[in-house]
C-alpha cells in the first residue's frame, strides 16, 4: 500500500502527463494561455462537475456529455471563486482534451 506522500507524488505525475497531453491538443494560441496551476484547477473542477452531475453514478454504457455545459460550469465556478475570467469558447478546448485524455487512459 502506497503512503500518502507516494500517492501525492503519483497524483502530481499524473497531472503533469495530463496537462502535457492537453497542451498538445490545444490550438496554438491557447497552449500557453493557462498556467499549470490553472490547468490543475480546471481538471479538479471538471471532476467536481462529473461528481455533482451524477454522471459517474450512471449505469448506462454510454453517457451523453455536454461539453458546453461543462465549460459554462468551469466559468461560473471561476467567477464564484474570484479567479481570472475564463471564456467558455476557450475553456471548451481544455474540456475536450481532458475527455480525450480520460478516454485514452481507459
PDB file of N, CA and C in Angstrom:
ATOM      1  N   UNK A   1       0.840  -1.173   0.000  1.00  0.00           N
ATOM      2  CA  UNK A   1       0.000   0.000   0.000  1.00  0.00           C
ATOM      3  C   UNK A   1       0.896   1.251   0.000  1.00  0.00           C
ATOM      4  N   UNK A   2       0.556   2.188  -0.864  1.00  0.00           N
ATOM      5  CA  UNK A   2       1.350   3.402  -1.004  1.00  0.00           C
ATOM      6  C   UNK A   2       1.098   4.345   0.173  1.00  0.00           C
ATOM      7  N   UNK A   3       2.144   5.036   0.552  1.00  0.00           N
ATOM      8  CA  UNK A   3       1.997   6.030   1.608  1.00  0.00           C
ATOM      9  C   UNK A   3       1.323   7.262   1.022  1.00  0.00           C
ATOM     10  N   UNK A   4       0.906   8.147   1.882  1.00  0.00           N
ATOM     11  CA  UNK A   4       0.266   9.379   1.434  1.00  0.00           C
ATOM     12  C   UNK A   4       1.213  10.182   0.547  1.00  0.00           C
ATOM     13  N   UNK A   5       2.471  10.273   0.928  1.00  0.00           N
ATOM     14  CA  UNK A   5       3.455  11.007   0.120  1.00  0.00           C
ATOM     15  C   UNK A   5       3.598  10.384  -1.267  1.00  0.00           C
ATOM     16  N   UNK A   6       3.624   9.054  -1.319  1.00  0.00           N
ATOM     17  CA  UNK A   6       3.733   8.362  -2.611  1.00  0.00           C
ATOM     18  C   UNK A   6       2.503   8.621  -3.477  1.00  0.00           C
ATOM     19  N   UNK A   7       1.339   8.603  -2.863  1.00  0.00           N
ATOM     20  CA  UNK A   7       0.106   8.871  -3.603  1.00  0.00           C
ATOM     21  C   UNK A   7       0.085  10.304  -4.129  1.00  0.00           C
ATOM     22  N   UNK A   8       0.531  11.254  -3.321  1.00  0.00           N
ATOM     23  CA  UNK A   8       0.592  12.650  -3.768  1.00  0.00           C
ATOM     24  C   UNK A   8       1.547  12.811  -4.938  1.00  0.00           C
ATOM     25  N   UNK A   9       2.691  12.143  -4.882  1.00  0.00           N
ATOM     26  CA  UNK A   9       3.647  12.192  -5.990  1.00  0.00           C
ATOM     27  C   UNK A   9       3.065  11.564  -7.247  1.00  0.00           C
ATOM     28  N   UNK A  10       2.339  10.480  -7.090  1.00  0.00           N
ATOM     29  CA  UNK A  10       1.691   9.840  -8.235  1.00  0.00           C
ATOM     30  C   UNK A  10       0.640  10.765  -8.847  1.00  0.00           C
ATOM     31  N   UNK A  11      -0.134  11.441  -7.999  1.00  0.00           N
ATOM     32  CA  UNK A  11      -1.143  12.387  -8.486  1.00  0.00           C
ATOM     33  C   UNK A  11      -0.490  13.542  -9.237  1.00  0.00           C
ATOM     34  N   UNK A  12       0.608  14.055  -8.705  1.00  0.00           N
ATOM     35  CA  UNK A  12       1.309  15.153  -9.372  1.00  0.00           C
ATOM     36  C   UNK A  12       1.856  14.713 -10.725  1.00  0.00           C
ATOM     37  N   UNK A  13       2.385  13.517 -10.787  1.00  0.00           N
ATOM     38  CA  UNK A  13       2.913  12.995 -12.052  1.00  0.00           C
ATOM     39  C   UNK A  13       1.783  12.799 -13.064  1.00  0.00           C
ATOM     40  N   UNK A  14       0.669  12.273 -12.606  1.00  0.00           N
ATOM     41  CA  UNK A  14      -0.491  12.101 -13.486  1.00  0.00           C
ATOM     42  C   UNK A  14      -0.970  13.460 -14.000  1.00  0.00           C
ATOM     43  N   UNK A  15      -1.020  14.454 -13.125  1.00  0.00           N
ATOM     44  CA  UNK A  15      -1.407  15.806 -13.552  1.00  0.00           C
ATOM     45  C   UNK A  15      -0.447  16.339 -14.613  1.00  0.00           C
ATOM     46  N   UNK A  16       0.850  16.122 -14.427  1.00  0.00           N
ATOM     47  CA  UNK A  16       1.845  16.589 -15.408  1.00  0.00           C
ATOM     48  C   UNK A  16       1.622  15.938 -16.771  1.00  0.00           C
ATOM     49  N   UNK A  17       1.365  14.627 -16.758  1.00  0.00           N
ATOM     50  CA  UNK A  17       1.124  13.914 -18.023  1.00  0.00           C
ATOM     51  C   UNK A  17      -0.148  14.434 -18.704  1.00  0.00           C
ATOM     52  N   UNK A  18      -1.195  14.615 -17.911  1.00  0.00           N
ATOM     53  CA  UNK A  18      -2.461  15.069 -18.477  1.00  0.00           C
ATOM     54  C   UNK A  18      -2.345  16.497 -19.012  1.00  0.00           C
ATOM     55  N   UNK A  19      -1.690  17.368 -18.279  1.00  0.00           N
ATOM     56  CA  UNK A  19      -1.515  18.749 -18.736  1.00  0.00           C
ATOM     57  C   UNK A  19      -0.699  18.782 -20.026  1.00  0.00           C
ATOM     58  N   UNK A  20       0.345  17.982 -20.105  1.00  0.00           N
ATOM     59  CA  UNK A  20       1.152  17.922 -21.331  1.00  0.00           C
ATOM     60  C   UNK A  20       0.297  17.450 -22.505  1.00  0.00           C
ATOM     61  N   UNK A  21      -0.535  16.438 -22.275  1.00  0.00           N
ATOM     62  CA  UNK A  21      -1.424  15.937 -23.316  1.00  0.00           C
ATOM     63  C   UNK A  21      -2.392  17.041 -23.766  1.00  0.00           C
ATOM     64  N   UNK A  22      -2.999  17.706 -22.800  1.00  0.00           N
ATOM     65  CA  UNK A  22      -3.971  18.758 -23.110  1.00  0.00           C
ATOM     66  C   UNK A  22      -3.307  19.881 -23.895  1.00  0.00           C
ATOM     67  N   UNK A  23      -2.136  20.325 -23.466  1.00  0.00           N
ATOM     68  CA  UNK A  23      -1.437  21.402 -24.178  1.00  0.00           C
ATOM     69  C   UNK A  23      -1.162  21.012 -25.636  1.00  0.00           C
ATOM     70  N   UNK A  24      -0.858  19.742 -25.875  1.00  0.00           N
ATOM     71  CA  UNK A  24      -0.617  19.277 -27.244  1.00  0.00           C
ATOM     72  C   UNK A  24      -1.880  19.373 -28.097  1.00  0.00           C
ATOM     73  N   UNK A  25      -3.041  19.219 -27.456  1.00  0.00           N
ATOM     74  CA  UNK A  25      -4.316  19.230 -28.173  1.00  0.00           C
ATOM     75  C   UNK A  25      -4.859  20.638 -28.420  1.00  0.00           C
ATOM     76  N   UNK A  26      -4.412  21.599 -27.626  1.00  0.00           N
ATOM     77  CA  UNK A  26      -4.951  22.954 -27.719  1.00  0.00           C
ATOM     78  C   UNK A  26      -4.477  23.661 -28.987  1.00  0.00           C
ATOM     79  N   UNK A  27      -5.323  24.564 -29.520  1.00  0.00           N
ATOM     80  CA  UNK A  27      -4.863  25.405 -30.624  1.00  0.00           C
ATOM     81  C   UNK A  27      -3.647  26.212 -30.175  1.00  0.00           C
ATOM     82  N   UNK A  28      -2.785  26.555 -31.107  1.00  0.00           N
ATOM     83  CA  UNK A  28      -1.507  27.201 -30.765  1.00  0.00           C
ATOM     84  C   UNK A  28      -1.689  28.468 -29.937  1.00  0.00           C
ATOM     85  N   UNK A  29      -2.740  29.243 -30.181  1.00  0.00           N
ATOM     86  CA  UNK A  29      -2.924  30.485 -29.431  1.00  0.00           C
ATOM     87  C   UNK A  29      -3.380  30.253 -27.990  1.00  0.00           C
ATOM     88  N   UNK A  30      -3.764  29.028 -27.657  1.00  0.00           N
ATOM     89  CA  UNK A  30      -4.211  28.725 -26.290  1.00  0.00           C
ATOM     90  C   UNK A  30      -3.206  27.887 -25.493  1.00  0.00           C
ATOM     91  N   UNK A  31      -2.180  27.376 -26.142  1.00  0.00           N
ATOM     92  CA  UNK A  31      -1.237  26.460 -25.487  1.00  0.00           C
ATOM     93  C   UNK A  31      -0.623  27.036 -24.217  1.00  0.00           C
ATOM     94  N   UNK A  32      -0.318  28.308 -24.198  1.00  0.00           N
ATOM     95  CA  UNK A  32       0.330  28.931 -23.038  1.00  0.00           C
ATOM     96  C   UNK A  32      -0.585  29.912 -22.301  1.00  0.00           C
ATOM     97  N   UNK A  33      -1.879  29.861 -22.622  1.00  0.00           N
ATOM     98  CA  UNK A  33      -2.819  30.790 -22.002  1.00  0.00           C
ATOM     99  C   UNK A  33      -2.986  30.522 -20.503  1.00  0.00           C
ATOM    100  N   UNK A  34      -2.939  29.259 -20.118  1.00  0.00           N
ATOM    101  CA  UNK A  34      -3.178  28.886 -18.725  1.00  0.00           C
ATOM    102  C   UNK A  34      -1.899  28.345 -18.084  1.00  0.00           C
ATOM    103  N   UNK A  35      -1.697  28.695 -16.829  1.00  0.00           N
ATOM    104  CA  UNK A  35      -0.569  28.140 -16.072  1.00  0.00           C
ATOM    105  C   UNK A  35      -0.905  26.695 -15.702  1.00  0.00           C
ATOM    106  N   UNK A  36       0.094  25.964 -15.250  1.00  0.00           N
ATOM    107  CA  UNK A  36      -0.154  24.598 -14.788  1.00  0.00           C
ATOM    108  C   UNK A  36      -1.124  24.589 -13.614  1.00  0.00           C
ATOM    109  N   UNK A  37      -0.997  25.558 -12.726  1.00  0.00           N
ATOM    110  CA  UNK A  37      -1.916  25.632 -11.577  1.00  0.00           C
ATOM    111  C   UNK A  37      -3.350  25.857 -12.042  1.00  0.00           C
ATOM    112  N   UNK A  38      -3.535  26.703 -13.046  1.00  0.00           N
ATOM    113  CA  UNK A  38      -4.884  26.930 -13.579  1.00  0.00           C
ATOM    114  C   UNK A  38      -5.426  25.658 -14.224  1.00  0.00           C
ATOM    115  N   UNK A  39      -4.549  24.940 -14.915  1.00  0.00           N
ATOM    116  CA  UNK A  39      -4.974  23.700 -15.558  1.00  0.00           C
ATOM    117  C   UNK A  39      -5.383  22.663 -14.506  1.00  0.00           C
ATOM    118  N   UNK A  40      -4.603  22.550 -13.437  1.00  0.00           N
ATOM    119  CA  UNK A  40      -4.951  21.611 -12.364  1.00  0.00           C
ATOM    120  C   UNK A  40      -6.295  22.005 -11.759  1.00  0.00           C
ATOM    121  N   UNK A  41      -6.511  23.304 -11.552  1.00  0.00           N
ATOM    122  CA  UNK A  41      -7.797  23.763 -11.023  1.00  0.00           C
ATOM    123  C   UNK A  41      -8.927  23.351 -11.972  1.00  0.00           C
ATOM    124  N   UNK A  42      -8.726  23.547 -13.276  1.00  0.00           N
ATOM    125  CA  UNK A  42      -9.763  23.170 -14.242  1.00  0.00           C
ATOM    126  C   UNK A  42     -10.026  21.667 -14.209  1.00  0.00           C
ATOM    127  N   UNK A  43      -8.979  20.862 -14.152  1.00  0.00           N
ATOM    128  CA  UNK A  43      -9.152  19.409 -14.106  1.00  0.00           C
ATOM    129  C   UNK A  43      -9.907  18.990 -12.849  1.00  0.00           C
ATOM    130  N   UNK A  44      -9.562  19.591 -11.722  1.00  0.00           N
ATOM    131  CA  UNK A  44     -10.273  19.297 -10.470  1.00  0.00           C
ATOM    132  C   UNK A  44     -11.737  19.727 -10.560  1.00  0.00           C
ATOM    133  N   UNK A  45     -11.978  20.865 -11.182  1.00  0.00           N
ATOM    134  CA  UNK A  45     -13.338  21.384 -11.299  1.00  0.00           C
ATOM    135  C   UNK A  45     -14.160  20.547 -12.271  1.00  0.00           C
ATOM    136  N   UNK A  46     -13.534  20.052 -13.337  1.00  0.00           N
ATOM    137  CA  UNK A  46     -14.231  19.143 -14.250  1.00  0.00           C
ATOM    138  C   UNK A  46     -14.619  17.876 -13.492  1.00  0.00           C
ATOM    139  N   UNK A  47     -13.713  17.350 -12.687  1.00  0.00           N
ATOM    140  CA  UNK A  47     -14.019  16.156 -11.887  1.00  0.00           C
ATOM    141  C   UNK A  47     -15.174  16.438 -10.931  1.00  0.00           C
ATOM    142  N   UNK A  48     -15.182  17.623 -10.333  1.00  0.00           N
ATOM    143  CA  UNK A  48     -16.280  18.008  -9.438  1.00  0.00           C
ATOM    144  C   UNK A  48     -17.597  18.053 -10.200  1.00  0.00           C
ATOM    145  N   UNK A  49     -17.567  18.591 -11.405  1.00  0.00           N
ATOM    146  CA  UNK A  49     -18.780  18.636 -12.239  1.00  0.00           C
ATOM    147  C   UNK A  49     -19.326  17.223 -12.434  1.00  0.00           C
ATOM    148  N   UNK A  50     -18.448  16.288 -12.825  1.00  0.00           N
ATOM    149  CA  UNK A  50     -18.907  14.919 -13.061  1.00  0.00           C
ATOM    150  C   UNK A  50     -19.476  14.298 -11.793  1.00  0.00           C
ATOM    151  N   UNK A  51     -18.852  14.579 -10.669  1.00  0.00           N
ATOM    152  CA  UNK A  51     -19.341  14.050  -9.404  1.00  0.00           C
ATOM    153  C   UNK A  51     -20.712  14.646  -9.061  1.00  0.00           C
ATOM    154  N   UNK A  52     -20.826  15.959  -9.155  1.00  0.00           N
ATOM    155  CA  UNK A  52     -22.071  16.633  -8.778  1.00  0.00           C
ATOM    156  C   UNK A  52     -23.214  16.354  -9.752  1.00  0.00           C
ATOM    157  N   UNK A  53     -22.887  16.127 -11.027  1.00  0.00           N
ATOM    158  CA  UNK A  53     -23.931  15.910 -12.033  1.00  0.00           C
ATOM    159  C   UNK A  53     -24.535  14.507 -11.958  1.00  0.00           C
ATOM    160  N   UNK A  54     -23.869  13.591 -11.275  1.00  0.00           N
ATOM    161  CA  UNK A  54     -24.353  12.219 -11.176  1.00  0.00           C
ATOM    162  C   UNK A  54     -23.926  11.335 -12.339  1.00  0.00           C
ATOM    163  N   UNK A  55     -23.181  11.890 -13.282  1.00  0.00           N
ATOM    164  CA  UNK A  55     -22.737  11.118 -14.437  1.00  0.00           C
ATOM    165  C   UNK A  55     -21.920   9.902 -14.004  1.00  0.00           C
ATOM    166  N   UNK A  56     -21.106  10.067 -12.977  1.00  0.00           N
ATOM    167  CA  UNK A  56     -20.245   8.972 -12.534  1.00  0.00           C
ATOM    168  C   UNK A  56     -21.033   7.802 -11.957  1.00  0.00           C
ATOM    169  N   UNK A  57     -22.260   8.061 -11.548  1.00  0.00           N
ATOM    170  CA  UNK A  57     -23.083   7.012 -10.951  1.00  0.00           C
ATOM    171  C   UNK A  57     -23.964   6.312 -11.974  1.00  0.00           C
ATOM    172  N   UNK A  58     -23.910   6.763 -13.222  1.00  0.00           N
ATOM    173  CA  UNK A  58     -24.743   6.190 -14.268  1.00  0.00           C
ATOM    174  C   UNK A  58     -24.331   4.759 -14.565  1.00  0.00           C
ATOM    175  N   UNK A  59     -25.310   3.911 -14.783  1.00  0.00           N
ATOM    176  CA  UNK A  59     -25.062   2.522 -15.155  1.00  0.00           C
ATOM    177  C   UNK A  59     -25.158   2.324 -16.666  1.00  0.00           C
ATOM    178  N   UNK A  60     -25.436   3.399 -17.385  1.00  0.00           N
ATOM    179  CA  UNK A  60     -25.560   3.324 -18.835  1.00  0.00           C
ATOM    180  C   UNK A  60     -24.205   3.041 -19.472  1.00  0.00           C
ATOM    181  N   UNK A  61     -24.239   2.296 -20.571  1.00  0.00           N
ATOM    182  CA  UNK A  61     -23.000   2.009 -21.296  1.00  0.00           C
ATOM    183  C   UNK A  61     -22.423   3.275 -21.923  1.00  0.00           C
ATOM    184  N   UNK A  62     -23.313   4.147 -22.375  1.00  0.00           N
ATOM    185  CA  UNK A  62     -22.871   5.405 -22.965  1.00  0.00           C
ATOM    186  C   UNK A  62     -23.569   6.549 -22.256  1.00  0.00           C
ATOM    187  N   UNK A  63     -22.797   7.579 -21.951  1.00  0.00           N
ATOM    188  CA  UNK A  63     -23.330   8.738 -21.248  1.00  0.00           C
ATOM    189  C   UNK A  63     -23.160   9.954 -22.147  1.00  0.00           C
ATOM    190  N   UNK A  64     -24.206  10.758 -22.243  1.00  0.00           N
ATOM    191  CA  UNK A  64     -24.151  11.975 -23.043  1.00  0.00           C
ATOM    192  C   UNK A  64     -23.484  13.077 -22.220  1.00  0.00           C
ATOM    193  N   UNK A  65     -22.358  13.569 -22.721  1.00  0.00           N
ATOM    194  CA  UNK A  65     -21.611  14.614 -22.026  1.00  0.00           C
ATOM    195  C   UNK A  65     -21.733  15.896 -22.842  1.00  0.00           C
ATOM    196  N   UNK A  66     -22.219  16.949 -22.212  1.00  0.00           N
ATOM    197  CA  UNK A  66     -22.385  18.237 -22.874  1.00  0.00           C
ATOM    198  C   UNK A  66     -21.162  19.110 -22.577  1.00  0.00           C
ATOM    199  N   UNK A  67     -20.289  19.226 -23.550  1.00  0.00           N
ATOM    200  CA  UNK A  67     -19.037  19.969 -23.375  1.00  0.00           C
ATOM    201  C   UNK A  67     -19.311  21.436 -23.077  1.00  0.00           C
ATOM    202  N   UNK A  68     -20.316  22.000 -23.716  1.00  0.00           N
ATOM    203  CA  UNK A  68     -20.645  23.408 -23.465  1.00  0.00           C
ATOM    204  C   UNK A  68     -21.127  23.612 -22.027  1.00  0.00           C
ATOM    205  N   UNK A  69     -21.887  22.659 -21.521  1.00  0.00           N
ATOM    206  CA  UNK A  69     -22.381  22.749 -20.140  1.00  0.00           C
ATOM    207  C   UNK A  69     -21.211  22.693 -19.150  1.00  0.00           C
ATOM    208  N   UNK A  70     -20.260  21.811 -19.417  1.00  0.00           N
ATOM    209  CA  UNK A  70     -19.089  21.701 -18.545  1.00  0.00           C
ATOM    210  C   UNK A  70     -18.264  22.987 -18.614  1.00  0.00           C
ATOM    211  N   UNK A  71     -18.099  23.535 -19.810  1.00  0.00           N
ATOM    212  CA  UNK A  71     -17.353  24.777 -19.982  1.00  0.00           C
ATOM    213  C   UNK A  71     -18.013  25.923 -19.220  1.00  0.00           C
ATOM    214  N   UNK A  72     -19.324  26.005 -19.324  1.00  0.00           N
ATOM    215  CA  UNK A  72     -20.057  27.035 -18.582  1.00  0.00           C
ATOM    216  C   UNK A  72     -19.896  26.848 -17.075  1.00  0.00           C
ATOM    217  N   UNK A  73     -19.929  25.598 -16.624  1.00  0.00           N
ATOM    218  CA  UNK A  73     -19.752  25.289 -15.202  1.00  0.00           C
ATOM    219  C   UNK A  73     -18.385  25.784 -14.727  1.00  0.00           C
ATOM    220  N   UNK A  74     -17.346  25.504 -15.503  1.00  0.00           N
ATOM    221  CA  UNK A  74     -15.995  25.963 -15.146  1.00  0.00           C
ATOM    222  C   UNK A  74     -15.952  27.477 -15.009  1.00  0.00           C
ATOM    223  N   UNK A  75     -16.550  28.160 -15.972  1.00  0.00           N
ATOM    224  CA  UNK A  75     -16.529  29.629 -15.951  1.00  0.00           C
ATOM    225  C   UNK A  75     -17.294  30.179 -14.751  1.00  0.00           C
ATOM    226  N   UNK A  76     -18.430  29.580 -14.429  1.00  0.00           N
ATOM    227  CA  UNK A  76     -19.213  30.014 -13.270  1.00  0.00           C
ATOM    228  C   UNK A  76     -18.450  29.773 -11.972  1.00  0.00           C
ATOM    229  N   UNK A  77     -17.798  28.620 -11.867  1.00  0.00           N
ATOM    230  CA  UNK A  77     -17.015  28.318 -10.669  1.00  0.00           C
ATOM    231  C   UNK A  77     -15.843  29.290 -10.529  1.00  0.00           C
ATOM    232  N   UNK A  78     -15.190  29.593 -11.635  1.00  0.00           N
ATOM    233  CA  UNK A  78     -14.067  30.540 -11.602  1.00  0.00           C
ATOM    234  C   UNK A  78     -14.547  31.897 -11.115  1.00  0.00           C
ATOM    235  N   UNK A  79     -15.696  32.331 -11.616  1.00  0.00           N
ATOM    236  CA  UNK A  79     -16.247  33.622 -11.196  1.00  0.00           C
ATOM    237  C   UNK A  79     -16.601  33.589  -9.709  1.00  0.00           C
ATOM    238  N   UNK A  80     -17.198  32.497  -9.254  1.00  0.00           N
ATOM    239  CA  UNK A  80     -17.583  32.362  -7.845  1.00  0.00           C
ATOM    240  C   UNK A  80     -16.359  32.372  -6.932  1.00  0.00           C
ATOM    241  N   UNK A  81     -15.241  31.828  -7.430  1.00  0.00           N
ATOM    242  CA  UNK A  81     -14.008  31.783  -6.638  1.00  0.00           C
ATOM    243  C   UNK A  81     -13.109  32.986  -6.897  1.00  0.00           C
ATOM    244  N   UNK A  82     -13.655  33.950  -7.652  1.00  0.00           N
ATOM    245  CA  UNK A  82     -12.935  35.194  -7.959  1.00  0.00           C
ATOM    246  C   UNK A  82     -11.585  34.936  -8.635  1.00  0.00           C
ATOM    247  N   UNK A  83     -11.584  33.958  -9.531  1.00  0.00           N
ATOM    248  CA  UNK A  83     -10.400  33.658 -10.330  1.00  0.00           C
ATOM    249  C   UNK A  83     -10.463  34.480 -11.617  1.00  0.00           C
ATOM    250  N   UNK A  84      -9.317  34.685 -12.255  1.00  0.00           N
ATOM    251  CA  UNK A  84      -9.345  35.431 -13.517  1.00  0.00           C
ATOM    252  C   UNK A  84     -10.366  34.821 -14.472  1.00  0.00           C
ATOM    253  N   UNK A  85     -11.051  35.691 -15.203  1.00  0.00           N
ATOM    254  CA  UNK A  85     -12.134  35.257 -16.071  1.00  0.00           C
ATOM    255  C   UNK A  85     -11.728  34.213 -17.092  1.00  0.00           C
ATOM    256  N   UNK A  86     -12.500  33.149 -17.134  1.00  0.00           N
ATOM    257  CA  UNK A  86     -12.330  32.133 -18.149  1.00  0.00           C
ATOM    258  C   UNK A  86     -13.395  32.355 -19.210  1.00  0.00           C
ATOM    259  N   UNK A  87     -13.057  32.083 -20.439  1.00  0.00           N
ATOM    260  CA  UNK A  87     -14.000  32.237 -21.539  1.00  0.00           C
ATOM    261  C   UNK A  87     -14.468  30.853 -21.993  1.00  0.00           C
ATOM    262  N   UNK A  88     -15.792  30.629 -22.029  1.00  0.00           N
ATOM    263  CA  UNK A  88     -16.304  29.301 -22.397  1.00  0.00           C
ATOM    264  C   UNK A  88     -15.765  28.783 -23.732  1.00  0.00           C
ATOM    265  N   UNK A  89     -15.605  29.674 -24.712  1.00  0.00           N
ATOM    266  CA  UNK A  89     -15.128  29.218 -26.016  1.00  0.00           C
ATOM    267  C   UNK A  89     -13.667  28.767 -25.980  1.00  0.00           C
ATOM    268  N   UNK A  90     -12.905  29.245 -25.019  1.00  0.00           N
ATOM    269  CA  UNK A  90     -11.514  28.808 -24.845  1.00  0.00           C
ATOM    270  C   UNK A  90     -11.432  27.578 -23.939  1.00  0.00           C
ATOM    271  N   UNK A  91     -12.206  27.606 -22.867  1.00  0.00           N
ATOM    272  CA  UNK A  91     -12.210  26.500 -21.902  1.00  0.00           C
ATOM    273  C   UNK A  91     -12.706  25.214 -22.562  1.00  0.00           C
ATOM    274  N   UNK A  92     -13.577  25.366 -23.538  1.00  0.00           N
ATOM    275  CA  UNK A  92     -14.140  24.215 -24.251  1.00  0.00           C
ATOM    276  C   UNK A  92     -13.035  23.295 -24.787  1.00  0.00           C
ATOM    277  N   UNK A  93     -11.957  23.889 -25.281  1.00  0.00           N
ATOM    278  CA  UNK A  93     -10.855  23.094 -25.816  1.00  0.00           C
ATOM    279  C   UNK A  93     -10.175  22.270 -24.716  1.00  0.00           C
ATOM    280  N   UNK A  94     -10.084  22.844 -23.530  1.00  0.00           N
ATOM    281  CA  UNK A  94      -9.493  22.120 -22.393  1.00  0.00           C
ATOM    282  C   UNK A  94     -10.399  20.953 -22.008  1.00  0.00           C
ATOM    283  N   UNK A  95     -11.703  21.199 -21.967  1.00  0.00           N
ATOM    284  CA  UNK A  95     -12.661  20.145 -21.614  1.00  0.00           C
ATOM    285  C   UNK A  95     -12.582  19.005 -22.626  1.00  0.00           C
ATOM    286  N   UNK A  96     -12.572  19.346 -23.912  1.00  0.00           N
ATOM    287  CA  UNK A  96     -12.491  18.315 -24.944  1.00  0.00           C
ATOM    288  C   UNK A  96     -11.203  17.492 -24.810  1.00  0.00           C
ATOM    289  N   UNK A  97     -10.095  18.172 -24.597  1.00  0.00           N
ATOM    290  CA  UNK A  97      -8.813  17.481 -24.462  1.00  0.00           C
ATOM    291  C   UNK A  97      -8.792  16.601 -23.207  1.00  0.00           C
ATOM    292  N   UNK A  98      -9.389  17.086 -22.123  1.00  0.00           N
ATOM    293  CA  UNK A  98      -9.463  16.284 -20.903  1.00  0.00           C
ATOM    294  C   UNK A  98     -10.271  15.017 -21.151  1.00  0.00           C
ATOM    295  N   UNK A  99     -11.387  15.144 -21.839  1.00  0.00           N
ATOM    296  CA  UNK A  99     -12.209  13.966 -22.140  1.00  0.00           C
ATOM    297  C   UNK A  99     -11.449  12.991 -23.036  1.00  0.00           C
ATOM    298  N   UNK A 100     -10.707  13.510 -24.012  1.00  0.00           N
ATOM    299  CA  UNK A 100      -9.885  12.657 -24.868  1.00  0.00           C
ATOM    300  C   UNK A 100      -8.837  11.920 -24.033  1.00  0.00           C
ATOM    301  N   UNK A 101      -8.208  12.628 -23.117  1.00  0.00           N
ATOM    302  CA  UNK A 101      -7.193  12.012 -22.263  1.00  0.00           C
ATOM    303  C   UNK A 101      -7.805  10.896 -21.418  1.00  0.00           C
ATOM    304  N   UNK A 102      -8.964  11.182 -20.828  1.00  0.00           N
ATOM    305  CA  UNK A 102      -9.625  10.180 -19.987  1.00  0.00           C
ATOM    306  C   UNK A 102      -9.997   8.945 -20.807  1.00  0.00           C
ATOM    307  N   UNK A 103     -10.453   9.171 -22.032  1.00  0.00           N
ATOM    308  CA  UNK A 103     -10.822   8.064 -22.899  1.00  0.00           C
ATOM    309  C   UNK A 103      -9.609   7.207 -23.267  1.00  0.00           C
ATOM    310  N   UNK A 104      -8.489   7.861 -23.555  1.00  0.00           N
ATOM    311  CA  UNK A 104      -7.259   7.142 -23.891  1.00  0.00           C
ATOM    312  C   UNK A 104      -6.704   6.384 -22.692  1.00  0.00           C
ATOM    313  N   UNK A 105      -6.986   6.874 -21.493  1.00  0.00           N
ATOM    314  CA  UNK A 105      -6.442   6.267 -20.265  1.00  0.00           C
ATOM    315  C   UNK A 105      -7.192   5.006 -19.844  1.00  0.00           C
ATOM    316  N   UNK A 106      -8.345   4.773 -20.458  1.00  0.00           N
ATOM    317  CA  UNK A 106      -9.154   3.604 -20.063  1.00  0.00           C
ATOM    318  C   UNK A 106      -8.515   2.315 -20.464  1.00  0.00           C
TER     319      UNK A 106
END
